Amino acid sequence: MVKTGVFAVVVVTDWRDRLDELDSEHRHMLEGGSLSQLFLRYPLYASHPVFIGSFYGFLVGLTLLLPYAYFGNVDDISVMDSLRDWGIQTLMLITLCSFLGGSSSIIASVSKRPPIRLENRRRFLFPFPFIGLAIISVSMMNEIPDYAIFAGWVCFVLPGPLYIHLSYAPRWRIIDRLDRGLQPFDGMTRTIDISDSEEVIATEDDELEEVVDESQSD
């Protein structure tokens, strides 16, 4: 609070300003990758894990629009019936992903674990939605076992909720505490993921080597 005469002006500190007060390892952890940075451009109340989960569910539902339209046309199902079926399926996905996002937020608040950056692990998650979509599309054309359909839906939906649970929800919890002026790491037995720490050290070593090489070349 800044006082001028009889007036008082409250200076609100944004979480990004407080982030600059942390060391490089914790800044690296909380800044997140490009996806987290995209979501965190918006106010924290709008980027809550529940809403991010809902948004992911909507995106997943959009990818099903074309298969529903195509197979509805093949099976002589009216456009309105196909849209109705797609809308119901999309609402179910939004509800499911929203619920999983909220559950991840609660678990992150209870466990107080640090977020895990998934930037270098995306290549392992990237194929899952395509595999799931392929299985779901096949199930629309032919009879396949129920366990295969279930596995297809798990592969199709898994990456988003997994990202929110492992990375985004714990990061959002810490940033929310920063934004409210609280001690962000209070109650945490470990404040940073080991892989994040190693990544920062490796990056700093690479930058140091570049500086040394440049100075030697000069």
C-alpha atoms as a PDB file:
ATOM      1  CA  MET A   1       0.000   0.000   0.000  1.00  0.00           C
ATOM      2  CA  VAL A   2       1.354   3.416  -0.961  1.00  0.00           C
ATOM      3  CA  LYS A   3       0.256   6.398   1.196  1.00  0.00           C
ATOM      4  CA  THR A   4       0.054   9.977  -0.050  1.00  0.00           C
ATOM      5  CA  GLY A   5      -1.242  12.412   2.566  1.00  0.00           C
ATOM      6  CA  VAL A   6      -4.645  11.234   3.720  1.00  0.00           C
ATOM      7  CA  PHE A   7      -5.124   9.048   0.676  1.00  0.00           C
ATOM      8  CA  ALA A   8      -3.986   5.481   0.303  1.00  0.00           C
ATOM      9  CA  VAL A   9      -3.471   3.691  -2.968  1.00  0.00           C
ATOM     10  CA  VAL A  10      -3.443  -0.085  -2.987  1.00  0.00           C
ATOM     11  CA  VAL A  11      -0.818  -1.469  -5.330  1.00  0.00           C
ATOM     12  CA  VAL A  12      -1.889  -4.864  -6.645  1.00  0.00           C
ATOM     13  CA  THR A  13       1.035  -7.141  -7.434  1.00  0.00           C
ATOM     14  CA  ASP A  14       0.395  -9.502 -10.335  1.00  0.00           C
ATOM     15  CA  TRP A  15       1.664 -13.057 -10.041  1.00  0.00           C
ATOM     16  CA  ARG A  16       3.993 -12.426 -13.009  1.00  0.00           C
ATOM     17  CA  ASP A  17       5.721  -9.680 -11.010  1.00  0.00           C
ATOM     18  CA  ARG A  18       6.177 -11.988  -8.037  1.00  0.00           C
ATOM     19  CA  LEU A  19       7.460 -14.697 -10.355  1.00  0.00           C
ATOM     20  CA  ASP A  20      10.490 -12.515 -11.097  1.00  0.00           C
ATOM     21  CA  GLU A  21      11.428 -12.715  -7.421  1.00  0.00           C
ATOM     22  CA  LEU A  22      11.971 -16.497  -7.620  1.00  0.00           C
ATOM     23  CA  ASP A  23      15.133 -18.300  -8.670  1.00  0.00           C
ATOM     24  CA  SER A  24      15.609 -19.596 -12.222  1.00  0.00           C
ATOM     25  CA  GLU A  25      14.552 -23.177 -11.438  1.00  0.00           C
ATOM     26  CA  HIS A  26      11.215 -22.181  -9.934  1.00  0.00           C
ATOM     27  CA  ARG A  27      10.549 -19.604 -12.670  1.00  0.00           C
ATOM     28  CA  HIS A  28      11.228 -22.273 -15.287  1.00  0.00           C
ATOM     29  CA  MET A  29       8.845 -24.645 -13.521  1.00  0.00           C
ATOM     30  CA  LEU A  30       6.004 -22.142 -13.155  1.00  0.00           C
ATOM     31  CA  GLU A  31       6.288 -20.541 -16.589  1.00  0.00           C
ATOM     32  CA  GLY A  32       5.532 -23.914 -18.148  1.00  0.00           C
ATOM     33  CA  GLY A  33       5.574 -24.754 -21.821  1.00  0.00           C
ATOM     34  CA  SER A  34       3.863 -22.975 -24.688  1.00  0.00           C
ATOM     35  CA  LEU A  35       0.480 -24.565 -23.904  1.00  0.00           C
ATOM     36  CA  SER A  36       0.476 -23.505 -20.249  1.00  0.00           C
ATOM     37  CA  GLN A  37       1.682 -20.037 -21.215  1.00  0.00           C
ATOM     38  CA  LEU A  38      -1.230 -19.770 -23.650  1.00  0.00           C
ATOM     39  CA  PHE A  39      -3.795 -20.595 -20.961  1.00  0.00           C
ATOM     40  CA  LEU A  40      -2.139 -18.417 -18.317  1.00  0.00           C
ATOM     41  CA  ARG A  41      -2.422 -15.307 -20.489  1.00  0.00           C
ATOM     42  CA  TYR A  42      -5.991 -15.099 -19.250  1.00  0.00           C
ATOM     43  CA  PRO A  43      -7.130 -14.204 -15.711  1.00  0.00           C
ATOM     44  CA  LEU A  44      -6.638 -17.039 -13.246  1.00  0.00           C
ATOM     45  CA  TYR A  45     -10.367 -17.426 -12.610  1.00  0.00           C
ATOM     46  CA  ALA A  46     -10.879 -18.045 -16.341  1.00  0.00           C
ATOM     47  CA  SER A  47      -7.922 -20.423 -16.637  1.00  0.00           C
ATOM     48  CA  HIS A  48      -8.957 -22.678 -13.735  1.00  0.00           C
ATOM     49  CA  PRO A  49      -8.345 -26.397 -14.453  1.00  0.00           C
ATOM     50  CA  VAL A  50     -12.110 -26.964 -14.571  1.00  0.00           C
ATOM     51  CA  PHE A  51     -12.495 -24.548 -17.500  1.00  0.00           C
ATOM     52  CA  ILE A  52      -9.369 -25.819 -19.247  1.00  0.00           C
ATOM     53  CA  GLY A  53     -10.781 -29.337 -18.963  1.00  0.00           C
ATOM     54  CA  SER A  54     -14.094 -28.152 -20.409  1.00  0.00           C
ATOM     55  CA  PHE A  55     -12.288 -26.470 -23.284  1.00  0.00           C
ATOM     56  CA  TYR A  56     -10.347 -29.648 -24.035  1.00  0.00           C
ATOM     57  CA  GLY A  57     -13.570 -31.679 -23.965  1.00  0.00           C
ATOM     58  CA  PHE A  58     -15.098 -29.265 -26.478  1.00  0.00           C
ATOM     59  CA  LEU A  59     -12.070 -29.583 -28.786  1.00  0.00           C
ATOM     60  CA  VAL A  60     -12.245 -33.367 -28.576  1.00  0.00           C
ATOM     61  CA  GLY A  61     -15.939 -33.184 -29.402  1.00  0.00           C
ATOM     62  CA  LEU A  62     -15.238 -31.034 -32.450  1.00  0.00           C
ATOM     63  CA  THR A  63     -13.000 -33.727 -33.914  1.00  0.00           C
ATOM     64  CA  LEU A  64     -15.968 -36.125 -33.767  1.00  0.00           C
ATOM     65  CA  LEU A  65     -18.215 -33.862 -35.839  1.00  0.00           C
ATOM     66  CA  LEU A  66     -16.909 -35.112 -39.182  1.00  0.00           C
ATOM     67  CA  PRO A  67     -17.130 -38.854 -38.320  1.00  0.00           C
ATOM     68  CA  TYR A  68     -20.689 -38.393 -37.016  1.00  0.00           C
ATOM     69  CA  ALA A  69     -21.684 -36.513 -40.179  1.00  0.00           C
ATOM     70  CA  TYR A  70     -19.997 -39.041 -42.490  1.00  0.00           C
ATOM     71  CA  PHE A  71     -21.324 -42.212 -40.905  1.00  0.00           C
ATOM     72  CA  GLY A  72     -24.734 -40.603 -40.406  1.00  0.00           C
ATOM     73  CA  ASN A  73     -24.858 -39.994 -44.161  1.00  0.00           C
ATOM     74  CA  VAL A  74     -23.726 -43.563 -44.886  1.00  0.00           C
ATOM     75  CA  ASP A  75     -26.399 -45.009 -42.578  1.00  0.00           C
ATOM     76  CA  ASP A  76     -29.111 -42.664 -43.937  1.00  0.00           C
ATOM     77  CA  ILE A  77     -29.473 -40.861 -40.614  1.00  0.00           C
ATOM     78  CA  SER A  78     -30.918 -37.368 -40.871  1.00  0.00           C
ATOM     79  CA  VAL A  79     -28.626 -34.389 -40.347  1.00  0.00           C
ATOM     80  CA  MET A  80     -30.572 -33.233 -37.296  1.00  0.00           C
ATOM     81  CA  ASP A  81     -30.354 -36.667 -35.667  1.00  0.00           C
ATOM     82  CA  SER A  82     -26.618 -36.807 -36.358  1.00  0.00           C
ATOM     83  CA  LEU A  83     -26.148 -33.325 -34.882  1.00  0.00           C
ATOM     84  CA  ARG A  84     -28.213 -34.288 -31.849  1.00  0.00           C
ATOM     85  CA  ASP A  85     -26.130 -37.420 -31.253  1.00  0.00           C
ATOM     86  CA  TRP A  86     -22.924 -35.445 -31.715  1.00  0.00           C
ATOM     87  CA  GLY A  87     -24.119 -32.709 -29.362  1.00  0.00           C
ATOM     88  CA  ILE A  88     -24.980 -35.206 -26.635  1.00  0.00           C
ATOM     89  CA  GLN A  89     -21.603 -36.899 -27.033  1.00  0.00           C
ATOM     90  CA  THR A  90     -19.792 -33.552 -26.918  1.00  0.00           C
ATOM     91  CA  LEU A  91     -21.661 -32.471 -23.776  1.00  0.00           C
ATOM     92  CA  MET A  92     -20.678 -35.756 -22.140  1.00  0.00           C
ATOM     93  CA  LEU A  93     -17.034 -35.156 -23.052  1.00  0.00           C
ATOM     94  CA  ILE A  94     -17.130 -31.575 -21.755  1.00  0.00           C
ATOM     95  CA  THR A  95     -18.680 -32.742 -18.483  1.00  0.00           C
ATOM     96  CA  LEU A  96     -16.191 -35.582 -18.092  1.00  0.00           C
ATOM     97  CA  CYS A  97     -13.116 -33.463 -18.810  1.00  0.00           C
ATOM     98  CA  SER A  98     -14.428 -30.654 -16.608  1.00  0.00           C
ATOM     99  CA  PHE A  99     -14.939 -33.116 -13.752  1.00  0.00           C
ATOM    100  CA  LEU A 100     -11.452 -34.563 -14.233  1.00  0.00           C
ATOM    101  CA  GLY A 101      -9.980 -31.035 -14.272  1.00  0.00           C
ATOM    102  CA  GLY A 102     -11.752 -30.191 -11.017  1.00  0.00           C
ATOM    103  CA  SER A 103     -10.627 -33.470  -9.454  1.00  0.00           C
ATOM    104  CA  SER A 104      -7.031 -32.767 -10.474  1.00  0.00           C
ATOM    105  CA  SER A 105      -7.276 -29.315  -8.883  1.00  0.00           C
ATOM    106  CA  ILE A 106      -8.491 -30.812  -5.600  1.00  0.00           C
ATOM    107  CA  ILE A 107      -5.819 -33.520  -5.657  1.00  0.00           C
ATOM    108  CA  ALA A 108      -3.126 -30.902  -6.362  1.00  0.00           C
ATOM    109  CA  SER A 109      -4.327 -28.858  -3.368  1.00  0.00           C
ATOM    110  CA  VAL A 110      -4.195 -31.908  -1.102  1.00  0.00           C
ATOM    111  CA  SER A 111      -0.968 -33.500  -2.352  1.00  0.00           C
ATOM    112  CA  LYS A 112       0.890 -30.169  -2.763  1.00  0.00           C
ATOM    113  CA  ARG A 113       3.230 -31.692  -5.325  1.00  0.00           C
ATOM    114  CA  PRO A 114       5.195 -29.674  -7.892  1.00  0.00           C
ATOM    115  CA  PRO A 115       4.098 -29.612 -11.542  1.00  0.00           C
ATOM    116  CA  ILE A 116       5.818 -31.769 -14.133  1.00  0.00           C
ATOM    117  CA  ARG A 117       6.784 -30.114 -17.404  1.00  0.00           C
ATOM    118  CA  LEU A 118       5.667 -32.315 -20.307  1.00  0.00           C
ATOM    119  CA  GLU A 119       7.312 -30.407 -23.160  1.00  0.00           C
ATOM    120  CA  ASN A 120       9.874 -33.122 -23.815  1.00  0.00           C
ATOM    121  CA  ARG A 121       7.325 -35.901 -23.328  1.00  0.00           C
ATOM    122  CA  ARG A 122       4.735 -34.755 -25.857  1.00  0.00           C
ATOM    123  CA  ARG A 123       5.981 -37.190 -28.470  1.00  0.00           C
ATOM    124  CA  PHE A 124       4.799 -40.045 -26.251  1.00  0.00           C
ATOM    125  CA  LEU A 125       1.291 -38.583 -25.834  1.00  0.00           C
ATOM    126  CA  PHE A 126       0.888 -37.235 -29.379  1.00  0.00           C
ATOM    127  CA  PRO A 127      -0.187 -40.522 -31.077  1.00  0.00           C
ATOM    128  CA  PHE A 128      -2.859 -41.431 -28.502  1.00  0.00           C
ATOM    129  CA  PRO A 129      -5.737 -39.225 -29.775  1.00  0.00           C
ATOM    130  CA  PHE A 130      -5.210 -40.421 -33.352  1.00  0.00           C
ATOM    131  CA  ILE A 131      -5.169 -44.055 -32.246  1.00  0.00           C
ATOM    132  CA  GLY A 132      -8.314 -43.478 -30.218  1.00  0.00           C
ATOM    133  CA  LEU A 133     -10.094 -41.666 -33.062  1.00  0.00           C
ATOM    134  CA  ALA A 134      -9.208 -44.511 -35.445  1.00  0.00           C
ATOM    135  CA  ILE A 135     -10.654 -47.120 -33.071  1.00  0.00           C
ATOM    136  CA  ILE A 136     -13.821 -45.070 -32.495  1.00  0.00           C
ATOM    137  CA  SER A 137     -14.279 -44.601 -36.258  1.00  0.00           C
ATOM    138  CA  VAL A 138     -13.905 -48.354 -36.823  1.00  0.00           C
ATOM    139  CA  SER A 139     -16.470 -49.019 -34.089  1.00  0.00           C
ATOM    140  CA  MET A 140     -18.966 -46.849 -36.002  1.00  0.00           C
ATOM    141  CA  MET A 141     -18.549 -49.022 -39.107  1.00  0.00           C
ATOM    142  CA  ASN A 142     -18.187 -52.494 -37.611  1.00  0.00           C
ATOM    143  CA  GLU A 143     -18.944 -54.428 -34.476  1.00  0.00           C
ATOM    144  CA  ILE A 144     -15.834 -54.607 -32.298  1.00  0.00           C
ATOM    145  CA  PRO A 145     -15.415 -55.820 -28.707  1.00  0.00           C
ATOM    146  CA  ASP A 146     -16.513 -53.487 -25.943  1.00  0.00           C
ATOM    147  CA  TYR A 147     -13.050 -53.475 -24.389  1.00  0.00           C
ATOM    148  CA  ALA A 148     -11.598 -52.213 -27.675  1.00  0.00           C
ATOM    149  CA  ILE A 149     -14.150 -49.385 -27.792  1.00  0.00           C
ATOM    150  CA  PHE A 150     -13.345 -48.493 -24.179  1.00  0.00           C
ATOM    151  CA  ALA A 151      -9.610 -48.523 -24.945  1.00  0.00           C
ATOM    152  CA  GLY A 152     -10.263 -46.279 -27.947  1.00  0.00           C
ATOM    153  CA  TRP A 153     -12.104 -43.712 -25.841  1.00  0.00           C
ATOM    154  CA  VAL A 154      -9.376 -43.796 -23.183  1.00  0.00           C
ATOM    155  CA  CYS A 155      -6.685 -43.150 -25.815  1.00  0.00           C
ATOM    156  CA  PHE A 156      -8.811 -40.434 -27.381  1.00  0.00           C
ATOM    157  CA  VAL A 157      -9.529 -38.487 -24.191  1.00  0.00           C
ATOM    158  CA  LEU A 158      -6.457 -39.322 -22.059  1.00  0.00           C
ATOM    159  CA  PRO A 159      -3.816 -36.716 -23.114  1.00  0.00           C
ATOM    160  CA  GLY A 160      -5.735 -33.597 -22.015  1.00  0.00           C
ATOM    161  CA  PRO A 161      -6.755 -34.734 -18.511  1.00  0.00           C
ATOM    162  CA  LEU A 162      -3.295 -36.259 -18.021  1.00  0.00           C
ATOM    163  CA  TYR A 163      -1.634 -32.951 -18.901  1.00  0.00           C
ATOM    164  CA  ILE A 164      -3.952 -31.068 -16.540  1.00  0.00           C
ATOM    165  CA  HIS A 165      -3.381 -33.549 -13.721  1.00  0.00           C
ATOM    166  CA  LEU A 166       0.401 -33.826 -13.953  1.00  0.00           C
ATOM    167  CA  SER A 167       1.353 -30.348 -15.109  1.00  0.00           C
ATOM    168  CA  TYR A 168      -1.307 -27.671 -15.264  1.00  0.00           C
ATOM    169  CA  ALA A 169      -3.343 -28.107 -12.062  1.00  0.00           C
ATOM    170  CA  PRO A 170      -0.306 -28.126  -9.703  1.00  0.00           C
ATOM    171  CA  ARG A 171       1.161 -25.137 -11.575  1.00  0.00           C
ATOM    172  CA  TRP A 172      -2.125 -23.224 -11.402  1.00  0.00           C
ATOM    173  CA  ARG A 173      -2.387 -23.882  -7.645  1.00  0.00           C
ATOM    174  CA  ILE A 174       1.064 -22.408  -6.956  1.00  0.00           C
ATOM    175  CA  ILE A 175       0.503 -19.430  -9.266  1.00  0.00           C
ATOM    176  CA  ASP A 176      -2.865 -18.754  -7.627  1.00  0.00           C
ATOM    177  CA  ARG A 177      -1.129 -18.578  -4.243  1.00  0.00           C
ATOM    178  CA  LEU A 178       1.439 -16.206  -5.728  1.00  0.00           C
ATOM    179  CA  ASP A 179      -1.337 -14.028  -7.097  1.00  0.00           C
ATOM    180  CA  ARG A 180      -3.060 -13.868  -3.685  1.00  0.00           C
ATOM    181  CA  GLY A 181       0.171 -12.861  -1.960  1.00  0.00           C
ATOM    182  CA  LEU A 182       0.538 -16.167  -0.093  1.00  0.00           C
ATOM    183  CA  GLN A 183       3.659 -18.256   0.355  1.00  0.00           C
ATOM    184  CA  PRO A 184       3.467 -20.339  -2.851  1.00  0.00           C
ATOM    185  CA  PHE A 185       5.397 -23.363  -1.577  1.00  0.00           C
ATOM    186  CA  ASP A 186       3.929 -23.560   1.914  1.00  0.00           C
ATOM    187  CA  GLY A 187       3.429 -27.173   3.026  1.00  0.00           C
ATOM    188  CA  MET A 188       5.332 -28.672   0.074  1.00  0.00           C
ATOM    189  CA  THR A 189       7.943 -31.310   0.916  1.00  0.00           C
ATOM    190  CA  ARG A 190       9.476 -30.830  -2.535  1.00  0.00           C
ATOM    191  CA  THR A 191       9.021 -27.557  -4.394  1.00  0.00           C
ATOM    192  CA  ILE A 192      10.375 -28.550  -7.791  1.00  0.00           C
ATOM    193  CA  ASP A 193      10.321 -31.676  -9.916  1.00  0.00           C
ATOM    194  CA  ILE A 194      13.717 -33.354 -10.271  1.00  0.00           C
ATOM    195  CA  SER A 195      13.529 -33.492 -14.070  1.00  0.00           C
ATOM    196  CA  ASP A 196      12.834 -29.725 -14.176  1.00  0.00           C
ATOM    197  CA  SER A 197      15.889 -29.026 -12.046  1.00  0.00           C
ATOM    198  CA  GLU A 198      18.100 -31.145 -14.287  1.00  0.00           C
ATOM    199  CA  GLU A 199      16.685 -29.438 -17.393  1.00  0.00           C
ATOM    200  CA  VAL A 200      17.466 -25.959 -16.026  1.00  0.00           C
ATOM    201  CA  ILE A 201      20.997 -26.987 -15.064  1.00  0.00           C
ATOM    202  CA  ALA A 202      21.577 -28.447 -18.533  1.00  0.00           C
ATOM    203  CA  THR A 203      20.261 -25.265 -20.159  1.00  0.00           C
ATOM    204  CA  GLU A 204      22.473 -23.059 -18.013  1.00  0.00           C
ATOM    205  CA  ASP A 205      25.491 -25.255 -18.821  1.00  0.00           C
ATOM    206  CA  ASP A 206      24.767 -24.949 -22.543  1.00  0.00           C
ATOM    207  CA  GLU A 207      24.498 -21.168 -22.261  1.00  0.00           C
ATOM    208  CA  LEU A 208      27.778 -21.031 -20.304  1.00  0.00           C
ATOM    209  CA  GLU A 209      29.520 -23.130 -22.965  1.00  0.00           C
ATOM    210  CA  GLU A 210      28.229 -20.788 -25.685  1.00  0.00           C
ATOM    211  CA  VAL A 211      29.623 -17.767 -23.823  1.00  0.00           C
ATOM    212  CA  VAL A 212      32.992 -19.489 -23.373  1.00  0.00           C
ATOM    213  CA  ASP A 213      33.123 -20.469 -27.050  1.00  0.00           C
ATOM    214  CA  GLU A 214      32.290 -16.914 -28.136  1.00  0.00           C
ATOM    215  CA  SER A 215      34.938 -15.431 -25.855  1.00  0.00           C
ATOM    216  CA  GLN A 216      37.549 -17.847 -27.191  1.00  0.00           C
ATOM    217  CA  SER A 217      36.644 -17.091 -30.802  1.00  0.00           C
ATOM    218  CA  ASP A 218      37.041 -13.363 -30.105  1.00  0.00           C
END
